Amino acid sequence: MQKQTKIILIRHGQSLGNANHTMLGHTDLDLSPLGYLQAETTANYLKNEKIDEIYSSDLIRAYNTAVPHAKIRNLDIKISEKLREARIGEWENLSLEQIFEKWGREVYFIDWHQNFGTFEFPGGESIKGAGERFYNAVLEILTQNLGKTVLITAHAAVIRAFWGIISEISWENIASTLDFPSNASYSIAYFDGEKIIPESYSNDSHLIDIGITKPYTK
């Protein structure tokens, strides 16, 4: 099998919402100062990668994560709302304390974290629906860019769900098999014209010196 089309999938750097333990889906908050540093660090780490096309979610935290990669290569960034994070409905822009108060800690830590693959946000998307939306968007991008290396910047929940799909993990088992990707981590997969083949997930060792950040799970 010839691995002809490469995807480098990057989660955005730490956002202001991440830093404040606030839930963000489509709320358009920027990166935190650490998030900008994470984005720059990942771009510098990958500076020798041959990248032909750069795509991003239309949300600013993903777009600004793509910017340093684009500057290094003098490439345009193509944006798509199909690459957005899951629509999280009534949880949008709420603090964890507000979620705990209205829905209880178990809904967050058990239903959302431990049963991730089967979770549906109150008034929002299901993880399955968001993951399939994102998968179809990525598949369309790869089909249009055969033989190229494509970099995509996006979001934690949809990247995790997408990785479950291409790894052929059942929705029920995603939470016990895959963690959320770290901020500004990169994952690599290949497309053979029919199937997306995963290679490595949430690579973040290059961020150790400045700080690896993940969703709040304690």
N, C-alpha and C. Protein backbone atom coordinates (compact mmCIF):
# COMPACT_ATOMS: atom_id res chain seq x y z
N MET A 1 0.84 -1.19 0.00
CA MET A 1 0.00 0.00 0.00
C MET A 1 0.88 1.24 0.00
N GLN A 2 0.62 2.15 -0.91
CA GLN A 2 1.39 3.37 -0.99
C GLN A 2 0.71 4.47 -0.16
N LYS A 3 1.44 5.00 0.81
CA LYS A 3 0.91 6.09 1.63
C LYS A 3 1.17 7.39 0.90
N GLN A 4 0.18 7.88 0.18
CA GLN A 4 0.45 9.00 -0.71
C GLN A 4 0.04 10.35 -0.18
N THR A 5 -0.99 10.42 0.60
CA THR A 5 -1.48 11.71 1.09
C THR A 5 -1.35 11.75 2.60
N LYS A 6 -0.68 12.77 3.10
CA LYS A 6 -0.38 12.85 4.53
C LYS A 6 -1.19 13.97 5.17
N ILE A 7 -1.71 13.71 6.34
CA ILE A 7 -2.41 14.73 7.12
C ILE A 7 -1.69 14.94 8.44
N ILE A 8 -1.44 16.19 8.76
CA ILE A 8 -0.93 16.59 10.07
C ILE A 8 -2.06 17.36 10.74
N LEU A 9 -2.62 16.78 11.77
CA LEU A 9 -3.80 17.33 12.43
C LEU A 9 -3.39 17.92 13.78
N ILE A 10 -3.59 19.21 13.94
CA ILE A 10 -3.11 19.91 15.14
C ILE A 10 -4.28 20.48 15.93
N ARG A 11 -4.29 20.17 17.22
CA ARG A 11 -5.26 20.84 18.09
C ARG A 11 -4.77 22.26 18.37
N HIS A 12 -5.70 23.19 18.49
CA HIS A 12 -5.31 24.57 18.77
C HIS A 12 -4.54 24.67 20.09
N GLY A 13 -3.74 25.71 20.22
CA GLY A 13 -3.07 25.99 21.48
C GLY A 13 -4.07 26.32 22.57
N GLN A 14 -3.58 26.41 23.79
CA GLN A 14 -4.48 26.71 24.91
C GLN A 14 -5.28 27.98 24.61
N SER A 15 -6.60 27.89 24.73
CA SER A 15 -7.45 29.06 24.52
C SER A 15 -7.69 29.77 25.85
N LEU A 16 -8.26 30.96 25.76
CA LEU A 16 -8.65 31.68 26.98
C LEU A 16 -9.68 30.88 27.77
N GLY A 17 -10.55 30.17 27.05
CA GLY A 17 -11.51 29.31 27.73
C GLY A 17 -10.85 28.15 28.44
N ASN A 18 -9.87 27.51 27.77
CA ASN A 18 -9.13 26.42 28.41
C ASN A 18 -8.46 26.91 29.69
N ALA A 19 -7.83 28.07 29.60
CA ALA A 19 -7.08 28.61 30.74
C ALA A 19 -7.99 28.90 31.93
N ASN A 20 -9.24 29.28 31.63
CA ASN A 20 -10.19 29.63 32.69
C ASN A 20 -11.14 28.50 33.05
N HIS A 21 -10.89 27.28 32.51
CA HIS A 21 -11.78 26.14 32.73
C HIS A 21 -13.22 26.47 32.33
N THR A 22 -13.35 27.09 31.14
CA THR A 22 -14.65 27.42 30.58
C THR A 22 -14.89 26.56 29.35
N MET A 23 -16.09 26.03 29.20
CA MET A 23 -16.40 25.16 28.07
C MET A 23 -16.64 25.98 26.81
N LEU A 24 -15.91 25.66 25.76
CA LEU A 24 -16.07 26.35 24.48
C LEU A 24 -16.40 25.35 23.39
N GLY A 25 -17.44 25.65 22.64
CA GLY A 25 -17.73 24.91 21.42
C GLY A 25 -17.54 25.87 20.27
N HIS A 26 -18.60 26.62 19.95
CA HIS A 26 -18.53 27.60 18.87
C HIS A 26 -18.25 29.01 19.36
N THR A 27 -18.17 29.21 20.68
CA THR A 27 -17.77 30.53 21.20
C THR A 27 -16.37 30.85 20.69
N ASP A 28 -16.21 32.06 20.15
CA ASP A 28 -14.98 32.36 19.41
C ASP A 28 -13.99 33.16 20.26
N LEU A 29 -13.36 32.48 21.21
CA LEU A 29 -12.33 33.11 22.04
C LEU A 29 -10.94 32.78 21.50
N ASP A 30 -10.03 33.70 21.68
CA ASP A 30 -8.67 33.58 21.15
C ASP A 30 -7.81 32.67 22.03
N LEU A 31 -6.57 32.51 21.60
CA LEU A 31 -5.58 31.78 22.38
C LEU A 31 -5.14 32.59 23.59
N SER A 32 -4.73 31.90 24.63
CA SER A 32 -4.10 32.54 25.78
C SER A 32 -2.64 32.85 25.41
N PRO A 33 -1.93 33.63 26.22
CA PRO A 33 -0.50 33.84 25.95
C PRO A 33 0.27 32.51 25.85
N LEU A 34 -0.04 31.56 26.74
CA LEU A 34 0.60 30.25 26.63
C LEU A 34 0.21 29.57 25.34
N GLY A 35 -1.05 29.72 24.93
CA GLY A 35 -1.52 29.11 23.69
C GLY A 35 -0.76 29.61 22.47
N TYR A 36 -0.48 30.91 22.44
CA TYR A 36 0.32 31.45 21.33
C TYR A 36 1.73 30.86 21.35
N LEU A 37 2.30 30.73 22.54
CA LEU A 37 3.64 30.14 22.65
C LEU A 37 3.62 28.68 22.21
N GLN A 38 2.59 27.94 22.60
CA GLN A 38 2.46 26.54 22.17
C GLN A 38 2.36 26.45 20.65
N ALA A 39 1.55 27.32 20.05
CA ALA A 39 1.38 27.30 18.59
C ALA A 39 2.70 27.57 17.89
N GLU A 40 3.43 28.57 18.36
CA GLU A 40 4.74 28.90 17.76
C GLU A 40 5.73 27.76 17.94
N THR A 41 5.71 27.13 19.11
CA THR A 41 6.63 26.04 19.40
C THR A 41 6.38 24.85 18.48
N THR A 42 5.11 24.51 18.28
CA THR A 42 4.78 23.41 17.39
C THR A 42 5.16 23.74 15.95
N ALA A 43 4.91 24.96 15.52
CA ALA A 43 5.28 25.37 14.16
C ALA A 43 6.79 25.28 13.96
N ASN A 44 7.55 25.73 14.93
CA ASN A 44 9.01 25.64 14.81
C ASN A 44 9.49 24.20 14.81
N TYR A 45 8.83 23.36 15.61
CA TYR A 45 9.21 21.95 15.67
C TYR A 45 8.96 21.26 14.33
N LEU A 46 7.91 21.67 13.64
CA LEU A 46 7.54 21.04 12.36
C LEU A 46 8.02 21.84 11.15
N LYS A 47 8.94 22.77 11.35
CA LYS A 47 9.29 23.70 10.28
C LYS A 47 9.92 23.01 9.07
N ASN A 48 10.51 21.84 9.26
CA ASN A 48 11.14 21.13 8.14
C ASN A 48 10.19 20.17 7.43
N GLU A 49 8.96 20.07 7.93
CA GLU A 49 7.96 19.25 7.25
C GLU A 49 7.55 19.92 5.94
N LYS A 50 7.48 19.13 4.89
CA LYS A 50 6.96 19.65 3.62
C LYS A 50 5.44 19.69 3.71
N ILE A 51 4.88 20.87 3.75
CA ILE A 51 3.43 21.03 3.84
C ILE A 51 2.95 21.80 2.61
N ASP A 52 1.96 21.24 1.94
CA ASP A 52 1.47 21.84 0.70
C ASP A 52 0.24 22.71 0.89
N GLU A 53 -0.62 22.32 1.82
CA GLU A 53 -1.88 23.04 2.04
C GLU A 53 -2.14 23.15 3.54
N ILE A 54 -2.73 24.27 3.95
CA ILE A 54 -3.10 24.48 5.34
C ILE A 54 -4.58 24.82 5.42
N TYR A 55 -5.29 24.07 6.26
CA TYR A 55 -6.72 24.30 6.49
C TYR A 55 -6.93 24.53 7.98
N SER A 56 -7.98 25.29 8.29
CA SER A 56 -8.30 25.55 9.69
C SER A 56 -9.80 25.65 9.88
N SER A 57 -10.24 25.27 11.05
CA SER A 57 -11.56 25.68 11.53
C SER A 57 -11.64 27.20 11.43
N ASP A 58 -12.86 27.71 11.27
CA ASP A 58 -13.02 29.16 11.17
C ASP A 58 -12.98 29.86 12.52
N LEU A 59 -12.85 29.12 13.61
CA LEU A 59 -12.78 29.73 14.93
C LEU A 59 -11.36 30.24 15.20
N ILE A 60 -11.26 31.39 15.84
CA ILE A 60 -10.00 32.13 15.93
C ILE A 60 -8.91 31.35 16.65
N ARG A 61 -9.27 30.52 17.61
CA ARG A 61 -8.24 29.78 18.35
C ARG A 61 -7.55 28.76 17.45
N ALA A 62 -8.29 28.18 16.51
CA ALA A 62 -7.68 27.26 15.55
C ALA A 62 -6.92 28.02 14.47
N TYR A 63 -7.53 29.09 13.97
CA TYR A 63 -6.88 29.88 12.91
C TYR A 63 -5.53 30.42 13.38
N ASN A 64 -5.49 30.99 14.58
CA ASN A 64 -4.23 31.57 15.06
C ASN A 64 -3.19 30.50 15.40
N THR A 65 -3.63 29.25 15.55
CA THR A 65 -2.68 28.15 15.69
C THR A 65 -2.06 27.80 14.35
N ALA A 66 -2.80 28.03 13.27
CA ALA A 66 -2.29 27.75 11.92
C ALA A 66 -1.37 28.85 11.41
N VAL A 67 -1.53 30.06 11.91
CA VAL A 67 -0.80 31.22 11.37
C VAL A 67 0.71 31.03 11.34
N PRO A 68 1.37 30.59 12.42
CA PRO A 68 2.83 30.46 12.34
C PRO A 68 3.29 29.42 11.32
N HIS A 69 2.50 28.36 11.11
CA HIS A 69 2.84 27.38 10.07
C HIS A 69 2.76 28.02 8.68
N ALA A 70 1.73 28.84 8.48
CA ALA A 70 1.55 29.51 7.19
C ALA A 70 2.66 30.52 6.94
N LYS A 71 3.07 31.24 7.97
CA LYS A 71 4.13 32.24 7.81
C LYS A 71 5.45 31.59 7.42
N ILE A 72 5.77 30.47 8.04
CA ILE A 72 7.02 29.77 7.74
C ILE A 72 7.09 29.38 6.27
N ARG A 73 5.94 29.03 5.69
CA ARG A 73 5.91 28.48 4.33
C ARG A 73 5.30 29.44 3.31
N ASN A 74 4.89 30.62 3.76
CA ASN A 74 4.25 31.59 2.88
C ASN A 74 3.03 30.98 2.17
N LEU A 75 2.20 30.28 2.95
CA LEU A 75 0.99 29.66 2.43
C LEU A 75 -0.24 30.37 2.96
N ASP A 76 -1.31 30.33 2.18
CA ASP A 76 -2.60 30.82 2.65
C ASP A 76 -3.25 29.77 3.55
N ILE A 77 -4.14 30.22 4.42
CA ILE A 77 -4.92 29.32 5.27
C ILE A 77 -6.34 29.27 4.73
N LYS A 78 -6.79 28.07 4.42
CA LYS A 78 -8.17 27.88 3.95
C LYS A 78 -9.04 27.52 5.15
N ILE A 79 -10.11 28.27 5.35
CA ILE A 79 -10.93 28.05 6.54
C ILE A 79 -12.24 27.35 6.18
N SER A 80 -12.73 26.57 7.14
CA SER A 80 -13.99 25.84 6.94
C SER A 80 -14.71 25.70 8.27
N GLU A 81 -15.98 26.08 8.31
CA GLU A 81 -16.76 25.91 9.53
C GLU A 81 -17.08 24.44 9.77
N LYS A 82 -16.90 23.59 8.76
CA LYS A 82 -17.11 22.15 8.95
C LYS A 82 -16.06 21.54 9.88
N LEU A 83 -14.97 22.26 10.09
CA LEU A 83 -13.89 21.79 10.97
C LEU A 83 -14.03 22.29 12.40
N ARG A 84 -15.16 22.94 12.68
CA ARG A 84 -15.38 23.49 14.03
C ARG A 84 -15.47 22.40 15.09
N GLU A 85 -15.33 22.86 16.33
CA GLU A 85 -15.56 22.00 17.49
C GLU A 85 -17.03 21.60 17.52
N ALA A 86 -17.34 20.61 18.34
CA ALA A 86 -18.73 20.22 18.55
C ALA A 86 -19.54 21.42 19.05
N ARG A 87 -20.79 21.47 18.64
CA ARG A 87 -21.71 22.50 19.15
C ARG A 87 -22.21 22.02 20.50
N ILE A 88 -21.88 22.75 21.56
CA ILE A 88 -22.09 22.21 22.91
C ILE A 88 -23.34 22.76 23.60
N GLY A 89 -24.19 23.45 22.85
CA GLY A 89 -25.52 23.80 23.34
C GLY A 89 -25.53 24.61 24.62
N GLU A 90 -26.23 24.09 25.62
CA GLU A 90 -26.42 24.82 26.88
C GLU A 90 -25.13 24.93 27.70
N TRP A 91 -24.12 24.18 27.34
CA TRP A 91 -22.84 24.27 28.06
C TRP A 91 -21.96 25.39 27.52
N GLU A 92 -22.38 26.01 26.43
CA GLU A 92 -21.53 26.99 25.76
C GLU A 92 -21.13 28.13 26.70
N ASN A 93 -19.81 28.31 26.82
CA ASN A 93 -19.21 29.41 27.57
C ASN A 93 -19.54 29.38 29.06
N LEU A 94 -19.86 28.20 29.59
CA LEU A 94 -20.10 28.06 31.02
C LEU A 94 -18.82 27.62 31.73
N SER A 95 -18.64 28.08 32.95
CA SER A 95 -17.55 27.59 33.77
C SER A 95 -17.88 26.18 34.25
N LEU A 96 -16.86 25.45 34.67
CA LEU A 96 -17.12 24.12 35.21
C LEU A 96 -18.01 24.20 36.44
N GLU A 97 -17.82 25.23 37.25
CA GLU A 97 -18.65 25.38 38.45
C GLU A 97 -20.12 25.54 38.08
N GLN A 98 -20.41 26.29 37.01
CA GLN A 98 -21.79 26.46 36.57
C GLN A 98 -22.37 25.14 36.06
N ILE A 99 -21.56 24.37 35.36
CA ILE A 99 -22.02 23.06 34.88
C ILE A 99 -22.28 22.13 36.06
N PHE A 100 -21.36 22.11 37.03
CA PHE A 100 -21.54 21.26 38.21
C PHE A 100 -22.83 21.64 38.95
N GLU A 101 -23.10 22.93 39.05
CA GLU A 101 -24.26 23.39 39.81
C GLU A 101 -25.56 22.97 39.14
N LYS A 102 -25.63 23.06 37.82
CA LYS A 102 -26.90 22.78 37.13
C LYS A 102 -27.07 21.31 36.79
N TRP A 103 -25.98 20.62 36.37
CA TRP A 103 -26.11 19.24 35.90
C TRP A 103 -25.46 18.22 36.84
N GLY A 104 -24.62 18.68 37.73
CA GLY A 104 -23.93 17.76 38.64
C GLY A 104 -22.57 17.36 38.12
N ARG A 105 -21.68 17.04 39.04
CA ARG A 105 -20.32 16.65 38.67
C ARG A 105 -20.29 15.35 37.87
N GLU A 106 -21.23 14.44 38.15
CA GLU A 106 -21.22 13.16 37.45
C GLU A 106 -21.46 13.32 35.96
N VAL A 107 -22.31 14.27 35.58
CA VAL A 107 -22.57 14.48 34.15
C VAL A 107 -21.28 14.89 33.45
N TYR A 108 -20.48 15.73 34.09
CA TYR A 108 -19.23 16.18 33.48
C TYR A 108 -18.18 15.08 33.50
N PHE A 109 -17.93 14.49 34.64
CA PHE A 109 -16.82 13.55 34.77
C PHE A 109 -17.14 12.15 34.27
N ILE A 110 -18.40 11.73 34.36
CA ILE A 110 -18.76 10.39 33.91
C ILE A 110 -19.39 10.43 32.53
N ASP A 111 -20.50 11.15 32.37
CA ASP A 111 -21.17 11.16 31.07
C ASP A 111 -20.29 11.78 29.98
N TRP A 112 -19.65 12.91 30.29
CA TRP A 112 -18.86 13.61 29.28
C TRP A 112 -17.48 12.99 29.11
N HIS A 113 -16.76 12.74 30.19
CA HIS A 113 -15.40 12.23 30.06
C HIS A 113 -15.34 10.71 29.91
N GLN A 114 -15.99 9.97 30.77
CA GLN A 114 -15.87 8.51 30.73
C GLN A 114 -16.75 7.86 29.66
N ASN A 115 -17.84 8.53 29.28
CA ASN A 115 -18.71 8.00 28.22
C ASN A 115 -18.69 8.93 27.01
N PHE A 116 -17.51 9.45 26.72
CA PHE A 116 -17.33 10.48 25.68
C PHE A 116 -18.02 10.13 24.36
N GLY A 117 -17.79 8.92 23.86
CA GLY A 117 -18.25 8.56 22.52
C GLY A 117 -19.75 8.52 22.36
N THR A 118 -20.49 8.36 23.45
CA THR A 118 -21.94 8.28 23.37
C THR A 118 -22.61 9.52 23.97
N PHE A 119 -21.82 10.55 24.25
CA PHE A 119 -22.36 11.74 24.92
C PHE A 119 -23.03 12.66 23.91
N GLU A 120 -24.11 13.31 24.36
CA GLU A 120 -24.76 14.36 23.58
C GLU A 120 -24.89 15.59 24.46
N PHE A 121 -24.39 16.73 23.99
CA PHE A 121 -24.47 17.95 24.77
C PHE A 121 -25.91 18.42 24.90
N PRO A 122 -26.32 18.87 26.07
CA PRO A 122 -27.68 19.38 26.24
C PRO A 122 -27.96 20.53 25.26
N GLY A 123 -28.89 20.30 24.34
CA GLY A 123 -29.21 21.32 23.35
C GLY A 123 -28.17 21.47 22.26
N GLY A 124 -27.23 20.52 22.16
CA GLY A 124 -26.16 20.63 21.17
C GLY A 124 -25.99 19.35 20.37
N GLU A 125 -24.80 19.17 19.81
CA GLU A 125 -24.50 18.00 18.99
C GLU A 125 -24.14 16.80 19.86
N SER A 126 -24.34 15.63 19.30
CA SER A 126 -23.76 14.43 19.89
C SER A 126 -22.31 14.34 19.44
N ILE A 127 -21.49 13.65 20.22
CA ILE A 127 -20.10 13.43 19.81
C ILE A 127 -20.05 12.65 18.51
N LYS A 128 -20.92 11.69 18.36
CA LYS A 128 -20.96 10.90 17.12
C LYS A 128 -21.27 11.80 15.92
N GLY A 129 -22.26 12.68 16.07
CA GLY A 129 -22.61 13.58 14.98
C GLY A 129 -21.49 14.54 14.64
N ALA A 130 -20.87 15.11 15.67
CA ALA A 130 -19.77 16.05 15.45
C ALA A 130 -18.56 15.34 14.83
N GLY A 131 -18.27 14.13 15.32
CA GLY A 131 -17.14 13.37 14.79
C GLY A 131 -17.34 12.99 13.34
N GLU A 132 -18.54 12.59 12.98
CA GLU A 132 -18.82 12.22 11.59
C GLU A 132 -18.78 13.45 10.68
N ARG A 133 -19.27 14.58 11.17
CA ARG A 133 -19.18 15.83 10.40
C ARG A 133 -17.72 16.16 10.11
N PHE A 134 -16.89 16.08 11.14
CA PHE A 134 -15.48 16.41 10.99
C PHE A 134 -14.78 15.41 10.08
N TYR A 135 -15.07 14.13 10.27
CA TYR A 135 -14.47 13.10 9.41
C TYR A 135 -14.79 13.36 7.94
N ASN A 136 -16.04 13.65 7.64
CA ASN A 136 -16.44 13.90 6.25
C ASN A 136 -15.74 15.13 5.69
N ALA A 137 -15.56 16.16 6.52
CA ALA A 137 -14.86 17.36 6.07
C ALA A 137 -13.40 17.06 5.76
N VAL A 138 -12.75 16.30 6.63
CA VAL A 138 -11.34 15.93 6.40
C VAL A 138 -11.22 15.05 5.16
N LEU A 139 -12.11 14.09 5.02
CA LEU A 139 -12.07 13.20 3.86
C LEU A 139 -12.21 14.00 2.56
N GLU A 140 -13.09 14.98 2.56
CA GLU A 140 -13.26 15.84 1.38
C GLU A 140 -11.97 16.61 1.08
N ILE A 141 -11.34 17.14 2.11
CA ILE A 141 -10.09 17.88 1.93
C ILE A 141 -9.00 16.97 1.36
N LEU A 142 -8.85 15.78 1.92
CA LEU A 142 -7.81 14.86 1.45
C LEU A 142 -8.07 14.41 0.02
N THR A 143 -9.32 14.17 -0.31
CA THR A 143 -9.67 13.74 -1.67
C THR A 143 -9.31 14.82 -2.69
N GLN A 144 -9.41 16.08 -2.27
CA GLN A 144 -9.07 17.19 -3.16
C GLN A 144 -7.57 17.46 -3.23
N ASN A 145 -6.80 16.80 -2.38
CA ASN A 145 -5.36 17.08 -2.29
C ASN A 145 -4.53 15.80 -2.34
N LEU A 146 -4.87 14.91 -3.22
CA LEU A 146 -4.15 13.63 -3.32
C LEU A 146 -2.67 13.86 -3.61
N GLY A 147 -1.84 13.12 -2.90
CA GLY A 147 -0.40 13.20 -3.09
C GLY A 147 0.27 14.33 -2.34
N LYS A 148 -0.51 15.12 -1.61
CA LYS A 148 0.04 16.27 -0.89
C LYS A 148 0.12 15.99 0.61
N THR A 149 0.81 16.87 1.31
CA THR A 149 0.78 16.89 2.77
C THR A 149 -0.08 18.06 3.20
N VAL A 150 -1.11 17.76 3.97
CA VAL A 150 -2.10 18.75 4.38
C VAL A 150 -2.04 18.92 5.90
N LEU A 151 -1.95 20.16 6.35
CA LEU A 151 -1.99 20.47 7.78
C LEU A 151 -3.37 21.06 8.10
N ILE A 152 -3.99 20.54 9.15
CA ILE A 152 -5.31 21.03 9.57
C ILE A 152 -5.25 21.37 11.05
N THR A 153 -5.72 22.57 11.41
CA THR A 153 -5.83 22.93 12.82
C THR A 153 -7.29 22.91 13.23
N ALA A 154 -7.56 22.27 14.37
CA ALA A 154 -8.95 22.08 14.78
C ALA A 154 -9.03 21.95 16.31
N HIS A 155 -9.93 21.09 16.79
CA HIS A 155 -10.37 21.13 18.19
C HIS A 155 -10.37 19.75 18.83
N ALA A 156 -10.35 19.74 20.17
CA ALA A 156 -10.12 18.51 20.94
C ALA A 156 -11.17 17.43 20.71
N ALA A 157 -12.44 17.76 20.89
CA ALA A 157 -13.48 16.72 20.84
C ALA A 157 -13.60 16.12 19.46
N VAL A 158 -13.58 16.96 18.41
CA VAL A 158 -13.74 16.42 17.06
C VAL A 158 -12.49 15.65 16.63
N ILE A 159 -11.31 16.09 17.05
CA ILE A 159 -10.10 15.32 16.72
C ILE A 159 -10.15 13.96 17.40
N ARG A 160 -10.54 13.93 18.65
CA ARG A 160 -10.61 12.65 19.39
C ARG A 160 -11.63 11.72 18.74
N ALA A 161 -12.80 12.25 18.39
CA ALA A 161 -13.83 11.43 17.75
C ALA A 161 -13.36 10.95 16.38
N PHE A 162 -12.74 11.82 15.60
CA PHE A 162 -12.20 11.47 14.29
C PHE A 162 -11.18 10.35 14.41
N TRP A 163 -10.31 10.46 15.42
CA TRP A 163 -9.27 9.43 15.58
C TRP A 163 -9.90 8.09 15.95
N GLY A 164 -10.97 8.13 16.71
CA GLY A 164 -11.69 6.90 17.00
C GLY A 164 -12.25 6.26 15.75
N ILE A 165 -12.79 7.10 14.85
CA ILE A 165 -13.36 6.58 13.60
C ILE A 165 -12.28 5.92 12.75
N ILE A 166 -11.16 6.62 12.53
CA ILE A 166 -10.15 6.06 11.62
C ILE A 166 -9.39 4.90 12.27
N SER A 167 -9.42 4.82 13.59
CA SER A 167 -8.80 3.69 14.30
C SER A 167 -9.77 2.53 14.49
N GLU A 168 -10.99 2.71 14.00
CA GLU A 168 -12.04 1.68 14.07
C GLU A 168 -12.34 1.27 15.51
N ILE A 169 -12.38 2.27 16.38
CA ILE A 169 -12.76 2.06 17.78
C ILE A 169 -14.25 2.34 17.91
N SER A 170 -14.96 1.50 18.60
CA SER A 170 -16.40 1.73 18.76
C SER A 170 -16.62 3.00 19.57
N TRP A 171 -17.78 3.62 19.36
CA TRP A 171 -18.09 4.84 20.10
C TRP A 171 -18.07 4.59 21.61
N GLU A 172 -18.50 3.42 22.01
CA GLU A 172 -18.54 3.09 23.44
C GLU A 172 -17.14 2.98 24.05
N ASN A 173 -16.14 2.70 23.23
CA ASN A 173 -14.79 2.44 23.75
C ASN A 173 -13.79 3.57 23.52
N ILE A 174 -14.22 4.65 22.88
CA ILE A 174 -13.28 5.74 22.61
C ILE A 174 -12.69 6.29 23.90
N ALA A 175 -13.54 6.53 24.90
CA ALA A 175 -13.07 7.18 26.13
C ALA A 175 -12.01 6.35 26.85
N SER A 176 -12.14 5.04 26.81
CA SER A 176 -11.19 4.18 27.51
C SER A 176 -9.94 3.90 26.68
N THR A 177 -9.95 4.32 25.42
CA THR A 177 -8.84 4.02 24.51
C THR A 177 -8.02 5.25 24.16
N LEU A 178 -8.69 6.38 23.97
CA LEU A 178 -8.03 7.61 23.54
C LEU A 178 -8.27 8.73 24.54
N ASP A 179 -7.23 9.43 24.90
CA ASP A 179 -7.38 10.64 25.71
C ASP A 179 -7.70 11.80 24.77
N PHE A 180 -8.10 12.95 25.33
CA PHE A 180 -8.18 14.16 24.53
C PHE A 180 -6.78 14.54 24.06
N PRO A 181 -6.63 15.06 22.84
CA PRO A 181 -5.32 15.54 22.42
C PRO A 181 -4.91 16.77 23.22
N SER A 182 -3.63 16.89 23.48
CA SER A 182 -3.10 18.06 24.18
C SER A 182 -3.21 19.30 23.30
N ASN A 183 -3.23 20.46 23.93
CA ASN A 183 -3.18 21.71 23.17
C ASN A 183 -1.91 21.78 22.35
N ALA A 184 -2.06 22.12 21.06
CA ALA A 184 -0.96 22.28 20.11
C ALA A 184 -0.21 20.99 19.82
N SER A 185 -0.78 19.85 20.22
CA SER A 185 -0.20 18.56 19.82
C SER A 185 -0.52 18.29 18.36
N TYR A 186 0.26 17.41 17.74
CA TYR A 186 -0.01 17.05 16.35
C TYR A 186 -0.20 15.53 16.23
N SER A 187 -1.09 15.16 15.33
CA SER A 187 -1.36 13.76 15.03
C SER A 187 -1.15 13.55 13.54
N ILE A 188 -0.68 12.38 13.16
CA ILE A 188 -0.34 12.11 11.77
C ILE A 188 -1.11 10.90 11.26
N ALA A 189 -1.65 11.03 10.05
CA ALA A 189 -2.34 9.92 9.39
C ALA A 189 -2.07 10.01 7.90
N TYR A 190 -2.42 8.95 7.19
CA TYR A 190 -2.23 8.90 5.75
C TYR A 190 -3.53 8.49 5.07
N PHE A 191 -3.69 8.92 3.83
CA PHE A 191 -4.88 8.60 3.04
C PHE A 191 -4.42 7.90 1.77
N ASP A 192 -4.94 6.68 1.55
CA ASP A 192 -4.51 5.91 0.38
C ASP A 192 -5.46 6.04 -0.80
N GLY A 193 -6.38 6.98 -0.71
CA GLY A 193 -7.38 7.17 -1.76
C GLY A 193 -8.71 6.56 -1.41
N GLU A 194 -8.71 5.68 -0.43
CA GLU A 194 -9.94 5.04 0.01
C GLU A 194 -10.13 5.14 1.52
N LYS A 195 -9.06 5.01 2.25
CA LYS A 195 -9.14 4.91 3.70
C LYS A 195 -8.09 5.80 4.35
N ILE A 196 -8.44 6.38 5.51
CA ILE A 196 -7.49 7.17 6.29
C ILE A 196 -6.84 6.24 7.32
N ILE A 197 -5.52 6.16 7.29
CA ILE A 197 -4.78 5.23 8.15
C ILE A 197 -4.05 6.02 9.24
N PRO A 198 -4.36 5.78 10.51
CA PRO A 198 -3.70 6.52 11.59
C PRO A 198 -2.26 6.08 11.78
N GLU A 199 -1.39 7.02 12.12
CA GLU A 199 0.00 6.68 12.44
C GLU A 199 0.35 7.03 13.88
N SER A 200 0.21 8.30 14.27
CA SER A 200 0.55 8.69 15.65
C SER A 200 -0.41 9.77 16.12
N TYR A 201 -0.72 9.74 17.41
CA TYR A 201 -1.78 10.59 17.97
C TYR A 201 -1.26 11.47 19.10
N SER A 202 -1.65 12.73 19.05
CA SER A 202 -1.39 13.70 20.13
C SER A 202 0.08 13.73 20.55
N ASN A 203 0.96 13.92 19.57
CA ASN A 203 2.38 14.06 19.86
C ASN A 203 2.63 15.42 20.52
N ASP A 204 3.17 15.40 21.74
CA ASP A 204 3.32 16.65 22.48
C ASP A 204 4.64 16.77 23.25
N SER A 205 5.58 15.87 23.01
CA SER A 205 6.83 15.90 23.78
C SER A 205 7.62 17.18 23.55
N HIS A 206 7.43 17.81 22.40
CA HIS A 206 8.14 19.05 22.10
C HIS A 206 7.65 20.23 22.95
N LEU A 207 6.54 20.03 23.67
CA LEU A 207 5.95 21.10 24.48
C LEU A 207 6.29 20.99 25.97
N ILE A 208 7.05 19.97 26.34
CA ILE A 208 7.31 19.71 27.77
C ILE A 208 7.91 20.94 28.46
N ASP A 209 8.85 21.59 27.82
CA ASP A 209 9.56 22.69 28.48
C ASP A 209 8.68 23.92 28.72
N ILE A 210 7.62 24.10 27.92
CA ILE A 210 6.78 25.29 28.10
C ILE A 210 5.45 24.97 28.76
N GLY A 211 5.06 23.69 28.76
CA GLY A 211 3.82 23.32 29.43
C GLY A 211 2.85 22.58 28.53
N ILE A 212 2.56 21.32 28.88
CA ILE A 212 1.56 20.53 28.17
C ILE A 212 0.23 20.71 28.89
N THR A 213 -0.80 21.09 28.14
CA THR A 213 -2.11 21.32 28.75
C THR A 213 -3.16 20.46 28.07
N LYS A 214 -4.06 19.92 28.90
CA LYS A 214 -5.15 19.06 28.45
C LYS A 214 -6.44 19.51 29.13
N PRO A 215 -7.60 18.99 28.66
CA PRO A 215 -8.86 19.33 29.32
C PRO A 215 -8.87 18.95 30.80
N TYR A 216 -9.62 19.71 31.58
CA TYR A 216 -9.73 19.49 33.02
C TYR A 216 -10.48 18.20 33.28
N THR A 217 -9.83 17.25 33.95
CA THR A 217 -10.45 15.92 34.14
C THR A 217 -10.48 15.49 35.59
N LYS A 218 -10.12 16.34 36.53
CA LYS A 218 -10.03 15.92 37.93
C LYS A 218 -11.25 16.36 38.72
